[in-house]
Amino acid sequence: MLGIVPAAGRGSRIQPLGFSKELLPVGSRIDGNTERPCAVSEYLVRRMVRAGADKICFVIGSGKSDILEYYSAGYADAAALFVVQPSPVGLCDAIFRAAPLVAADETVLVGLPDTIWFPEDGFQALPDDGLSFLLFPVDQPEFFDAVVVDPDGRVRQIQVKQQNAASNWIWGAFKMPGRTLHQLAALWRKRDRCDEYIGTLVNAYLAAGGEAYGIKAGIAYVDVGTFNGYRTALRLLESAAGTKDDQAAITLPGHQHVPILAGEGG
């Protein structure tokens, strides 16, 4: 199982940092008997490893060698792989940079490394045999990619940052077989690589007869790519720290779902 972490974005919404936004310390982790700062991207990587990923592919851009250095030894039992996206030209381009590393029968996980979400086992709620999205409820879906599903959970449409969105459920991560990743990559190339966002590409995939499912298993979702999001993430983690049940993480007084203002992975 391979996890793809698109980490080539500039992070302009929270700069200047002096380092890659994916390494922004948010909360802490226990290393042996020592408490250490936790990079925001570790929350996604940890969820991928928990779901069974034995390889994590980081898609990095120029000037992001600090991510390579941070994860060069791998993470837990997962090996680290690195590919380069020469220019940060969108999530589709970033994801498909990893396609040559993916076998047709391999399961692929994708998420955004500047987000923190619960439950931690969200990837396990997604089936292995098709394209599926982990959905989270938000108050302002127009700032996200809202996913419209039918009563059986089939995705009808993804509304990319659309005013008056028909759904308040947005995708926060997704899963698919390697063969589906290759089909999407082929469709993207056929469309002259015009899709910056995964949502518009999936809409074309559905129109061509493809199928995807949306699983409403998400509880809380925060984009840490803004200062407001950073503060919200700290409160979210503090709320979750005292419980063994991830669902308690949603009981944040005044918690707001933070909008993505600069595009997926921006």
Protein backbone atom coordinates (compact mmCIF):
# COMPACT_ATOMS: atom_id res chain seq x y z
CA MET A 1 0.00 0.00 0.00
CA LEU A 2 1.34 3.40 -1.02
CA GLY A 3 0.49 6.77 0.51
CA ILE A 4 0.93 9.85 -1.69
CA VAL A 5 1.70 13.11 0.12
CA PRO A 6 1.64 16.15 -2.21
CA ALA A 7 4.07 18.54 -0.52
CA ALA A 8 5.23 20.87 -3.30
CA GLY A 9 2.94 23.83 -2.51
CA ARG A 10 4.44 27.20 -1.60
CA GLY A 11 2.43 27.65 1.59
CA SER A 12 1.97 31.35 0.88
CA ARG A 13 -0.93 31.69 3.33
CA ILE A 14 1.22 31.07 6.39
CA GLN A 15 4.63 32.38 5.31
CA PRO A 16 7.22 33.49 6.19
CA LEU A 17 8.27 30.37 8.08
CA GLY A 18 11.87 29.73 7.03
CA PHE A 19 11.02 26.07 6.36
CA SER A 20 8.45 24.01 4.46
CA LYS A 21 4.90 24.45 5.75
CA GLU A 22 4.55 20.65 5.97
CA LEU A 23 7.10 20.70 8.81
CA LEU A 24 5.23 23.32 10.86
CA PRO A 25 5.23 22.05 14.48
CA VAL A 26 1.67 21.41 15.65
CA GLY A 27 1.23 19.60 18.95
CA SER A 28 3.68 16.93 20.03
CA ARG A 29 4.49 13.24 19.82
CA ILE A 30 6.19 10.77 22.14
CA ASP A 31 9.57 9.48 20.95
CA GLY A 32 10.52 6.73 23.38
CA ASN A 33 10.17 8.47 26.74
CA THR A 34 10.63 11.95 25.30
CA GLU A 35 7.96 14.37 24.12
CA ARG A 36 8.93 16.10 20.88
CA PRO A 37 7.29 18.60 18.52
CA CYS A 38 5.16 16.99 15.79
CA ALA A 39 5.27 18.26 12.20
CA VAL A 40 1.79 18.86 10.79
CA SER A 41 2.40 16.40 7.94
CA GLU A 42 3.02 13.61 10.46
CA TYR A 43 -0.69 13.49 11.26
CA LEU A 44 -1.48 12.46 7.68
CA VAL A 45 1.50 10.09 7.46
CA ARG A 46 0.52 8.45 10.74
CA ARG A 47 -3.01 7.87 9.47
CA MET A 48 -1.65 6.32 6.27
CA VAL A 49 0.65 3.98 8.19
CA ARG A 50 -2.21 3.05 10.51
CA ALA A 51 -4.24 2.10 7.43
CA GLY A 52 -1.51 -0.26 6.23
CA ALA A 53 0.73 1.86 4.01
CA ASP A 54 4.23 0.41 3.84
CA LYS A 55 5.53 3.14 1.49
CA ILE A 56 4.98 6.90 1.68
CA CYS A 57 5.73 8.92 -1.44
CA PHE A 58 6.39 12.61 -0.82
CA VAL A 59 5.96 14.84 -3.86
CA ILE A 60 8.25 17.79 -3.20
CA GLY A 61 9.29 20.91 -5.09
CA SER A 62 12.51 22.84 -5.40
CA GLY A 63 13.63 24.35 -2.13
CA LYS A 64 11.95 21.60 -0.08
CA SER A 65 14.95 19.44 0.71
CA ASP A 66 14.11 19.82 4.41
CA ILE A 67 11.16 17.42 3.88
CA LEU A 68 13.54 14.88 2.36
CA GLU A 69 15.88 15.23 5.31
CA TYR A 70 13.05 14.98 7.85
CA TYR A 71 11.53 11.80 6.40
CA SER A 72 14.58 10.20 4.73
CA ALA A 73 14.65 7.32 7.21
CA GLY A 74 10.97 6.58 6.66
CA TYR A 75 8.20 6.74 9.22
CA ALA A 76 7.46 3.91 11.65
CA ASP A 77 7.56 0.77 9.48
CA ALA A 78 6.95 2.61 6.18
CA ALA A 79 9.72 3.43 3.73
CA ALA A 80 9.93 6.96 2.33
CA LEU A 81 10.04 7.68 -1.40
CA PHE A 82 10.50 11.09 -3.01
CA VAL A 83 9.55 12.47 -6.41
CA VAL A 84 9.83 16.05 -7.65
CA GLN A 85 7.14 18.36 -8.98
CA PRO A 86 9.22 21.05 -10.76
CA SER A 87 6.49 23.70 -10.44
CA PRO A 88 3.51 23.78 -8.04
CA VAL A 89 0.88 23.66 -10.79
CA GLY A 90 -1.88 21.80 -9.00
CA LEU A 91 -2.87 18.72 -7.09
CA CYS A 92 -3.49 16.53 -10.14
CA ASP A 93 0.01 17.13 -11.48
CA ALA A 94 1.49 16.42 -8.04
CA ILE A 95 -0.38 13.14 -7.52
CA PHE A 96 0.37 11.78 -10.97
CA ARG A 97 4.10 12.42 -10.50
CA ALA A 98 3.94 9.37 -8.23
CA ALA A 99 2.06 7.18 -10.75
CA PRO A 100 5.19 5.41 -12.13
CA LEU A 101 5.79 4.01 -8.64
CA VAL A 102 2.31 2.51 -8.32
CA ALA A 103 1.45 -1.08 -9.33
CA ALA A 104 -1.98 -1.74 -10.82
CA ASP A 105 -3.00 -4.01 -7.95
CA GLU A 106 -1.64 -1.74 -5.20
CA THR A 107 -3.89 0.30 -2.93
CA VAL A 108 -3.22 4.05 -2.98
CA LEU A 109 -4.01 6.59 -0.25
CA VAL A 110 -3.97 10.35 -0.86
CA GLY A 111 -4.33 13.22 1.59
CA LEU A 112 -3.23 16.80 2.16
CA PRO A 113 -0.22 17.25 4.47
CA ASP A 114 -1.30 20.57 5.97
CA THR A 115 -4.57 19.23 7.39
CA ILE A 116 -5.49 17.44 10.60
CA TRP A 117 -8.62 15.34 10.72
CA PHE A 118 -10.42 12.79 12.83
CA PRO A 119 -11.08 9.93 13.23
CA GLU A 120 -7.53 8.69 12.95
CA ASP A 121 -8.73 5.45 11.34
CA GLY A 122 -10.69 7.28 8.63
CA PHE A 123 -8.82 5.58 5.77
CA GLN A 124 -10.02 2.19 7.02
CA ALA A 125 -13.63 3.28 6.41
CA LEU A 126 -12.92 3.46 2.67
CA PRO A 127 -13.22 0.36 0.43
CA ASP A 128 -10.15 -0.98 -1.37
CA ASP A 129 -11.79 -1.89 -4.68
CA GLY A 130 -12.67 1.51 -6.13
CA LEU A 131 -12.25 5.27 -5.93
CA SER A 132 -13.68 6.52 -2.65
CA PHE A 133 -13.55 9.79 -0.73
CA LEU A 134 -13.49 10.31 3.03
CA LEU A 135 -16.07 13.05 3.63
CA PHE A 136 -16.24 15.63 6.41
CA PRO A 137 -19.11 17.99 7.31
CA VAL A 138 -18.24 21.71 7.18
CA ASP A 139 -20.08 24.97 7.74
CA GLN A 140 -18.81 26.70 4.58
CA PRO A 141 -18.54 24.13 1.78
CA GLU A 142 -18.04 26.88 -0.81
CA PHE A 143 -14.42 27.15 0.35
CA PHE A 144 -13.79 23.45 -0.26
CA ASP A 145 -14.59 20.71 -2.77
CA ALA A 146 -18.15 19.73 -1.86
CA VAL A 147 -19.10 16.16 -2.75
CA VAL A 148 -22.67 15.43 -3.82
CA VAL A 149 -23.65 11.79 -3.35
CA ASP A 150 -26.82 9.80 -4.03
CA PRO A 151 -28.58 7.76 -1.30
CA ASP A 152 -26.27 4.79 -2.02
CA GLY A 153 -23.17 6.89 -1.52
CA ARG A 154 -22.23 7.13 -5.20
CA VAL A 155 -20.59 10.41 -6.07
CA ARG A 156 -22.75 12.40 -8.47
CA GLN A 157 -20.59 15.50 -8.66
CA ILE A 158 -17.75 17.36 -6.98
CA GLN A 159 -18.43 21.07 -6.74
CA VAL A 160 -15.08 22.84 -6.62
CA LYS A 161 -15.28 25.91 -4.37
CA GLN A 162 -18.76 26.64 -5.63
CA GLN A 163 -21.10 29.19 -4.09
CA ASN A 164 -24.39 27.70 -2.84
CA ALA A 165 -22.89 24.20 -2.87
CA ALA A 166 -25.46 21.42 -2.89
CA SER A 167 -23.66 19.53 -0.10
CA ASN A 168 -21.92 20.49 3.13
CA TRP A 169 -19.75 17.35 2.94
CA ILE A 170 -16.27 17.93 1.56
CA TRP A 171 -13.54 15.42 0.78
CA GLY A 172 -10.50 15.35 3.04
CA ALA A 173 -8.70 12.24 1.74
CA PHE A 174 -9.27 9.48 -0.78
CA LYS A 175 -8.35 5.93 -1.65
CA MET A 176 -8.23 3.84 -4.84
CA PRO A 177 -6.58 0.86 -6.53
CA GLY A 178 -3.46 1.60 -8.55
CA ARG A 179 -5.28 0.79 -11.78
CA THR A 180 -7.76 3.57 -11.04
CA LEU A 181 -4.92 6.01 -10.41
CA HIS A 182 -3.52 5.12 -13.82
CA GLN A 183 -6.94 5.57 -15.45
CA LEU A 184 -7.28 9.01 -13.91
CA ALA A 185 -3.76 9.93 -15.00
CA ALA A 186 -4.53 8.83 -18.57
CA LEU A 187 -7.74 10.87 -18.59
CA TRP A 188 -5.87 13.89 -17.24
CA ARG A 189 -3.33 13.65 -20.06
CA LYS A 190 -6.14 13.18 -22.60
CA ARG A 191 -7.66 16.42 -21.31
CA ASP A 192 -4.34 18.20 -21.98
CA ARG A 193 -3.55 18.32 -18.27
CA CYS A 194 -6.13 21.09 -17.89
CA ASP A 195 -7.33 19.96 -14.46
CA GLU A 196 -5.62 21.66 -11.54
CA TYR A 197 -8.07 20.29 -8.98
CA ILE A 198 -8.91 16.63 -8.50
CA GLY A 199 -12.62 17.51 -8.36
CA THR A 200 -12.90 18.64 -11.97
CA LEU A 201 -10.99 15.56 -13.16
CA VAL A 202 -13.24 13.23 -11.17
CA ASN A 203 -16.29 14.92 -12.70
CA ALA A 204 -14.90 14.08 -16.16
CA TYR A 205 -14.16 10.54 -14.96
CA LEU A 206 -17.76 10.12 -13.83
CA ALA A 207 -19.08 11.55 -17.11
CA ALA A 208 -17.01 8.95 -18.97
CA GLY A 209 -18.63 6.10 -17.03
CA GLY A 210 -16.37 5.92 -14.01
CA GLU A 211 -17.65 5.39 -10.50
CA ALA A 212 -16.71 6.82 -7.11
CA TYR A 213 -18.14 6.67 -3.61
CA GLY A 214 -18.29 9.19 -0.80
CA ILE A 215 -18.06 7.82 2.74
CA LYS A 216 -19.42 10.14 5.43
CA ALA A 217 -17.13 8.88 8.18
CA GLY A 218 -15.24 12.10 8.89
CA ILE A 219 -15.80 13.95 12.18
CA ALA A 220 -13.48 16.97 12.30
CA TYR A 221 -11.29 18.58 9.63
CA VAL A 222 -8.93 21.54 9.95
CA ASP A 223 -6.71 23.12 7.31
CA VAL A 224 -3.58 24.26 9.14
CA GLY A 225 -2.38 26.41 6.23
CA THR A 226 -3.63 29.66 7.81
CA PHE A 227 -2.96 31.28 11.16
CA ASN A 228 -6.58 30.83 12.19
CA GLY A 229 -6.36 27.20 11.13
CA TYR A 230 -3.18 26.74 13.13
CA ARG A 231 -4.86 28.00 16.28
CA THR A 232 -7.92 25.85 15.63
CA ALA A 233 -5.74 22.77 15.13
CA LEU A 234 -4.07 23.31 18.50
CA ARG A 235 -7.48 23.45 20.20
CA LEU A 236 -8.62 20.37 18.31
CA LEU A 237 -5.59 18.36 19.39
CA GLU A 238 -5.90 19.57 22.96
CA SER A 239 -9.53 18.47 23.00
CA ALA A 240 -8.61 15.03 21.64
CA ALA A 241 -5.59 14.51 23.89
CA GLY A 242 -7.51 13.57 27.01
CA THR A 243 -9.65 10.83 25.45
CA LYS A 244 -9.16 7.44 23.86
CA ASP A 245 -12.19 8.06 21.66
CA ASP A 246 -11.39 10.21 18.61
CA GLN A 247 -15.03 11.25 18.41
CA ALA A 248 -14.53 13.43 21.47
CA ALA A 249 -12.33 15.61 19.29
CA ILE A 250 -15.38 17.29 17.80
CA THR A 251 -16.52 18.84 21.08
CA LEU A 252 -14.57 22.06 20.58
CA PRO A 253 -16.27 25.18 21.90
CA GLY A 254 -16.49 27.63 19.03
CA HIS A 255 -14.69 25.29 16.62
CA GLN A 256 -14.77 26.46 13.04
CA HIS A 257 -13.93 24.47 9.95
CA VAL A 258 -11.19 26.52 8.31
CA PRO A 259 -11.55 27.25 4.57
CA ILE A 260 -8.86 26.38 2.03
CA LEU A 261 -8.34 29.72 0.31
CA ALA A 262 -5.45 28.96 -2.01
CA GLY A 263 -6.49 25.68 -3.59
CA GLU A 264 -5.79 22.07 -2.74
CA GLY A 265 -2.43 21.70 -1.07
CA GLY A 266 -1.69 25.41 -1.62
